[in-house]
């Protein structure tokens, strides 16, 4: 009997304790991911105006639209690994800050080449947001069911 009681005590010590997250913590973490989603919508709506204002060729318009996704996809796994090393919260904050700064620079692009380059930097910043957000959700919700709902 003593052995069963000892194993129960050990289980209680090593069982992770669930701490209810703050009411706004999920919203704050998803704000960075929201920036990423809004970016694609804004570009789709602005593409006719970009074409007229910057006199971009068809090939340049394709690069403007696609470079973000190319860079984001290429760096997604690397940024997840970087988040494991330096911390996902720090990566999320740096990525969101970079995304905001580069977005402001992108708004004042004076040539198609500058717009393509800044969109590539936006892809780099966007690649930091997705893995960091999902990792932080995993930390906030240790229960599998709640985590699935939060990630959805």
C-alpha atoms as a PDB file:
ATOM      1  CA  UNK A   1       0.000   0.000   0.000  1.00  0.00           C
ATOM      2  CA  UNK A   2       2.815   2.390   0.756  1.00  0.00           C
ATOM      3  CA  UNK A   3       4.119   2.012  -2.784  1.00  0.00           C
ATOM      4  CA  UNK A   4       0.734   3.043  -4.273  1.00  0.00           C
ATOM      5  CA  UNK A   5       0.565   6.089  -1.994  1.00  0.00           C
ATOM      6  CA  UNK A   6       4.110   7.123  -2.943  1.00  0.00           C
ATOM      7  CA  UNK A   7       3.418   6.853  -6.664  1.00  0.00           C
ATOM      8  CA  UNK A   8       0.252   8.925  -6.243  1.00  0.00           C
ATOM      9  CA  UNK A   9       2.282  11.643  -4.463  1.00  0.00           C
ATOM     10  CA  UNK A  10       4.852  11.616  -7.252  1.00  0.00           C
ATOM     11  CA  UNK A  11       2.090  11.934  -9.857  1.00  0.00           C
ATOM     12  CA  UNK A  12       0.641  14.908  -7.975  1.00  0.00           C
ATOM     13  CA  UNK A  13       4.041  16.614  -7.872  1.00  0.00           C
ATOM     14  CA  UNK A  14       4.754  16.156 -11.581  1.00  0.00           C
ATOM     15  CA  UNK A  15       1.238  16.757 -12.858  1.00  0.00           C
ATOM     16  CA  UNK A  16       1.146  20.098 -14.644  1.00  0.00           C
ATOM     17  CA  UNK A  17      -1.086  22.607 -12.938  1.00  0.00           C
ATOM     18  CA  UNK A  18      -3.564  24.406 -15.152  1.00  0.00           C
ATOM     19  CA  UNK A  19      -3.531  28.142 -14.707  1.00  0.00           C
ATOM     20  CA  UNK A  20      -6.426  29.947 -16.316  1.00  0.00           C
ATOM     21  CA  UNK A  21      -5.033  32.519 -18.783  1.00  0.00           C
ATOM     22  CA  UNK A  22      -5.820  36.179 -18.418  1.00  0.00           C
ATOM     23  CA  UNK A  23      -8.917  37.268 -20.366  1.00  0.00           C
ATOM     24  CA  UNK A  24      -6.979  39.336 -22.920  1.00  0.00           C
ATOM     25  CA  UNK A  25      -3.888  37.154 -23.267  1.00  0.00           C
ATOM     26  CA  UNK A  26      -5.152  35.180 -26.247  1.00  0.00           C
ATOM     27  CA  UNK A  27      -6.299  38.346 -28.005  1.00  0.00           C
ATOM     28  CA  UNK A  28      -2.904  39.963 -27.515  1.00  0.00           C
ATOM     29  CA  UNK A  29      -1.096  36.955 -28.939  1.00  0.00           C
ATOM     30  CA  UNK A  30      -3.402  36.680 -31.930  1.00  0.00           C
ATOM     31  CA  UNK A  31      -3.055  40.363 -32.785  1.00  0.00           C
ATOM     32  CA  UNK A  32       0.261  39.622 -34.494  1.00  0.00           C
ATOM     33  CA  UNK A  33      -1.298  36.848 -36.544  1.00  0.00           C
ATOM     34  CA  UNK A  34      -4.142  39.169 -37.500  1.00  0.00           C
ATOM     35  CA  UNK A  35      -1.667  41.624 -39.043  1.00  0.00           C
ATOM     36  CA  UNK A  36      -0.466  38.837 -41.261  1.00  0.00           C
ATOM     37  CA  UNK A  37      -3.977  38.062 -42.537  1.00  0.00           C
ATOM     38  CA  UNK A  38      -4.959  41.670 -43.123  1.00  0.00           C
ATOM     39  CA  UNK A  39      -1.848  42.264 -45.238  1.00  0.00           C
ATOM     40  CA  UNK A  40      -2.974  39.940 -48.024  1.00  0.00           C
ATOM     41  CA  UNK A  41      -6.445  41.462 -48.171  1.00  0.00           C
ATOM     42  CA  UNK A  42      -5.125  45.008 -48.340  1.00  0.00           C
ATOM     43  CA  UNK A  43      -2.737  44.108 -51.164  1.00  0.00           C
ATOM     44  CA  UNK A  44      -5.486  42.485 -53.225  1.00  0.00           C
ATOM     45  CA  UNK A  45      -7.641  45.591 -52.930  1.00  0.00           C
ATOM     46  CA  UNK A  46      -4.749  47.971 -53.644  1.00  0.00           C
ATOM     47  CA  UNK A  47      -3.257  46.134 -56.644  1.00  0.00           C
ATOM     48  CA  UNK A  48      -5.018  48.258 -59.343  1.00  0.00           C
ATOM     49  CA  UNK A  49      -3.832  51.455 -57.663  1.00  0.00           C
ATOM     50  CA  UNK A  50      -0.297  50.102 -57.221  1.00  0.00           C
ATOM     51  CA  UNK A  51      -0.183  49.230 -60.906  1.00  0.00           C
ATOM     52  CA  UNK A  52      -1.269  52.718 -61.928  1.00  0.00           C
ATOM     53  CA  UNK A  53       0.826  54.709 -59.439  1.00  0.00           C
ATOM     54  CA  UNK A  54       4.121  52.818 -59.756  1.00  0.00           C
ATOM     55  CA  UNK A  55       3.794  51.918 -63.445  1.00  0.00           C
ATOM     56  CA  UNK A  56       4.612  48.316 -62.593  1.00  0.00           C
ATOM     57  CA  UNK A  57       4.858  45.703 -65.322  1.00  0.00           C
ATOM     58  CA  UNK A  58       2.898  42.464 -65.201  1.00  0.00           C
ATOM     59  CA  UNK A  59       5.926  40.544 -63.974  1.00  0.00           C
ATOM     60  CA  UNK A  60       6.565  43.088 -61.226  1.00  0.00           C
ATOM     61  CA  UNK A  61       2.926  42.880 -60.122  1.00  0.00           C
ATOM     62  CA  UNK A  62       3.275  39.107 -59.840  1.00  0.00           C
ATOM     63  CA  UNK A  63       6.421  39.502 -57.739  1.00  0.00           C
ATOM     64  CA  UNK A  64       4.703  42.101 -55.542  1.00  0.00           C
ATOM     65  CA  UNK A  65       1.907  39.660 -54.844  1.00  0.00           C
ATOM     66  CA  UNK A  66       3.970  36.487 -54.493  1.00  0.00           C
ATOM     67  CA  UNK A  67       7.262  37.446 -52.830  1.00  0.00           C
ATOM     68  CA  UNK A  68       5.621  37.690 -49.412  1.00  0.00           C
ATOM     69  CA  UNK A  69       4.346  34.100 -49.582  1.00  0.00           C
ATOM     70  CA  UNK A  70       7.637  32.778 -50.962  1.00  0.00           C
ATOM     71  CA  UNK A  71       9.726  34.285 -48.166  1.00  0.00           C
ATOM     72  CA  UNK A  72       7.189  33.373 -45.490  1.00  0.00           C
ATOM     73  CA  UNK A  73       7.057  29.726 -46.612  1.00  0.00           C
ATOM     74  CA  UNK A  74      10.838  29.506 -46.917  1.00  0.00           C
ATOM     75  CA  UNK A  75      11.456  30.815 -43.389  1.00  0.00           C
ATOM     76  CA  UNK A  76       8.527  29.387 -41.434  1.00  0.00           C
ATOM     77  CA  UNK A  77      10.305  26.318 -40.046  1.00  0.00           C
ATOM     78  CA  UNK A  78      13.516  28.249 -39.417  1.00  0.00           C
ATOM     79  CA  UNK A  79      11.657  30.885 -37.426  1.00  0.00           C
ATOM     80  CA  UNK A  80       9.925  28.193 -35.369  1.00  0.00           C
ATOM     81  CA  UNK A  81      13.337  26.770 -34.519  1.00  0.00           C
ATOM     82  CA  UNK A  82      14.636  30.256 -33.703  1.00  0.00           C
ATOM     83  CA  UNK A  83      11.657  30.748 -31.389  1.00  0.00           C
ATOM     84  CA  UNK A  84      12.583  27.536 -29.565  1.00  0.00           C
ATOM     85  CA  UNK A  85      16.062  28.944 -28.994  1.00  0.00           C
ATOM     86  CA  UNK A  86      15.406  32.556 -28.024  1.00  0.00           C
ATOM     87  CA  UNK A  87      11.835  32.297 -26.752  1.00  0.00           C
ATOM     88  CA  UNK A  88       8.551  32.554 -28.611  1.00  0.00           C
ATOM     89  CA  UNK A  89       7.370  35.649 -26.780  1.00  0.00           C
ATOM     90  CA  UNK A  90      10.518  37.547 -27.694  1.00  0.00           C
ATOM     91  CA  UNK A  91      10.252  36.347 -31.303  1.00  0.00           C
ATOM     92  CA  UNK A  92       6.601  37.397 -31.492  1.00  0.00           C
ATOM     93  CA  UNK A  93       7.352  40.867 -30.129  1.00  0.00           C
ATOM     94  CA  UNK A  94      10.318  41.376 -32.460  1.00  0.00           C
ATOM     95  CA  UNK A  95       8.371  40.053 -35.449  1.00  0.00           C
ATOM     96  CA  UNK A  96       5.327  42.217 -34.761  1.00  0.00           C
ATOM     97  CA  UNK A  97       7.519  45.286 -34.319  1.00  0.00           C
ATOM     98  CA  UNK A  98       9.424  44.562 -37.527  1.00  0.00           C
ATOM     99  CA  UNK A  99       6.154  43.929 -39.351  1.00  0.00           C
ATOM    100  CA  UNK A 100       4.791  47.315 -38.275  1.00  0.00           C
ATOM    101  CA  UNK A 101       7.952  49.219 -39.197  1.00  0.00           C
ATOM    102  CA  UNK A 102       8.330  47.532 -42.575  1.00  0.00           C
ATOM    103  CA  UNK A 103       4.617  48.046 -43.296  1.00  0.00           C
ATOM    104  CA  UNK A 104       5.081  51.788 -42.839  1.00  0.00           C
ATOM    105  CA  UNK A 105       8.087  51.745 -45.177  1.00  0.00           C
ATOM    106  CA  UNK A 106       6.122  49.655 -47.684  1.00  0.00           C
ATOM    107  CA  UNK A 107       3.340  52.244 -47.736  1.00  0.00           C
ATOM    108  CA  UNK A 108       5.806  54.858 -48.997  1.00  0.00           C
ATOM    109  CA  UNK A 109       7.509  52.720 -51.658  1.00  0.00           C
ATOM    110  CA  UNK A 110       8.440  54.839 -54.645  1.00  0.00           C
ATOM    111  CA  UNK A 111       9.229  52.095 -57.156  1.00  0.00           C
ATOM    112  CA  UNK A 112       8.126  48.536 -57.887  1.00  0.00           C
ATOM    113  CA  UNK A 113      11.578  47.238 -56.903  1.00  0.00           C
ATOM    114  CA  UNK A 114      11.378  48.939 -53.505  1.00  0.00           C
ATOM    115  CA  UNK A 115       7.891  47.517 -52.988  1.00  0.00           C
ATOM    116  CA  UNK A 116       9.090  44.007 -53.847  1.00  0.00           C
ATOM    117  CA  UNK A 117      12.027  44.317 -51.425  1.00  0.00           C
ATOM    118  CA  UNK A 118       9.867  45.602 -48.583  1.00  0.00           C
ATOM    119  CA  UNK A 119       7.283  42.877 -49.224  1.00  0.00           C
ATOM    120  CA  UNK A 120      10.112  40.338 -48.899  1.00  0.00           C
ATOM    121  CA  UNK A 121      10.972  41.862 -45.503  1.00  0.00           C
ATOM    122  CA  UNK A 122       7.294  41.631 -44.574  1.00  0.00           C
ATOM    123  CA  UNK A 123       7.501  37.915 -45.390  1.00  0.00           C
ATOM    124  CA  UNK A 124      10.437  37.599 -43.012  1.00  0.00           C
ATOM    125  CA  UNK A 125       8.497  39.343 -40.253  1.00  0.00           C
ATOM    126  CA  UNK A 126       5.371  37.323 -41.016  1.00  0.00           C
ATOM    127  CA  UNK A 127       7.334  34.091 -40.723  1.00  0.00           C
ATOM    128  CA  UNK A 128       8.042  34.946 -37.081  1.00  0.00           C
ATOM    129  CA  UNK A 129       4.388  35.502 -36.210  1.00  0.00           C
ATOM    130  CA  UNK A 130       2.750  32.155 -37.025  1.00  0.00           C
ATOM    131  CA  UNK A 131       5.025  29.741 -35.132  1.00  0.00           C
ATOM    132  CA  UNK A 132       5.360  32.085 -32.165  1.00  0.00           C
ATOM    133  CA  UNK A 133       1.584  32.538 -31.888  1.00  0.00           C
ATOM    134  CA  UNK A 134       0.910  28.808 -32.035  1.00  0.00           C
ATOM    135  CA  UNK A 135       3.645  28.038 -29.502  1.00  0.00           C
ATOM    136  CA  UNK A 136       2.284  30.620 -27.084  1.00  0.00           C
ATOM    137  CA  UNK A 137      -1.236  29.204 -27.462  1.00  0.00           C
ATOM    138  CA  UNK A 138       0.178  25.793 -26.585  1.00  0.00           C
ATOM    139  CA  UNK A 139       1.674  27.261 -23.428  1.00  0.00           C
ATOM    140  CA  UNK A 140      -1.533  29.058 -22.439  1.00  0.00           C
ATOM    141  CA  UNK A 141      -3.765  26.013 -22.862  1.00  0.00           C
ATOM    142  CA  UNK A 142      -2.254  22.762 -21.569  1.00  0.00           C
ATOM    143  CA  UNK A 143      -5.575  20.925 -22.104  1.00  0.00           C
ATOM    144  CA  UNK A 144      -5.726  19.405 -25.618  1.00  0.00           C
ATOM    145  CA  UNK A 145      -9.378  20.301 -26.244  1.00  0.00           C
ATOM    146  CA  UNK A 146      -9.029  23.936 -25.189  1.00  0.00           C
ATOM    147  CA  UNK A 147      -5.812  24.249 -27.184  1.00  0.00           C
ATOM    148  CA  UNK A 148      -7.541  22.940 -30.307  1.00  0.00           C
ATOM    149  CA  UNK A 149     -10.339  25.454 -29.937  1.00  0.00           C
ATOM    150  CA  UNK A 150      -7.906  28.330 -29.311  1.00  0.00           C
ATOM    151  CA  UNK A 151      -5.723  27.428 -32.305  1.00  0.00           C
ATOM    152  CA  UNK A 152      -8.744  27.172 -34.583  1.00  0.00           C
END
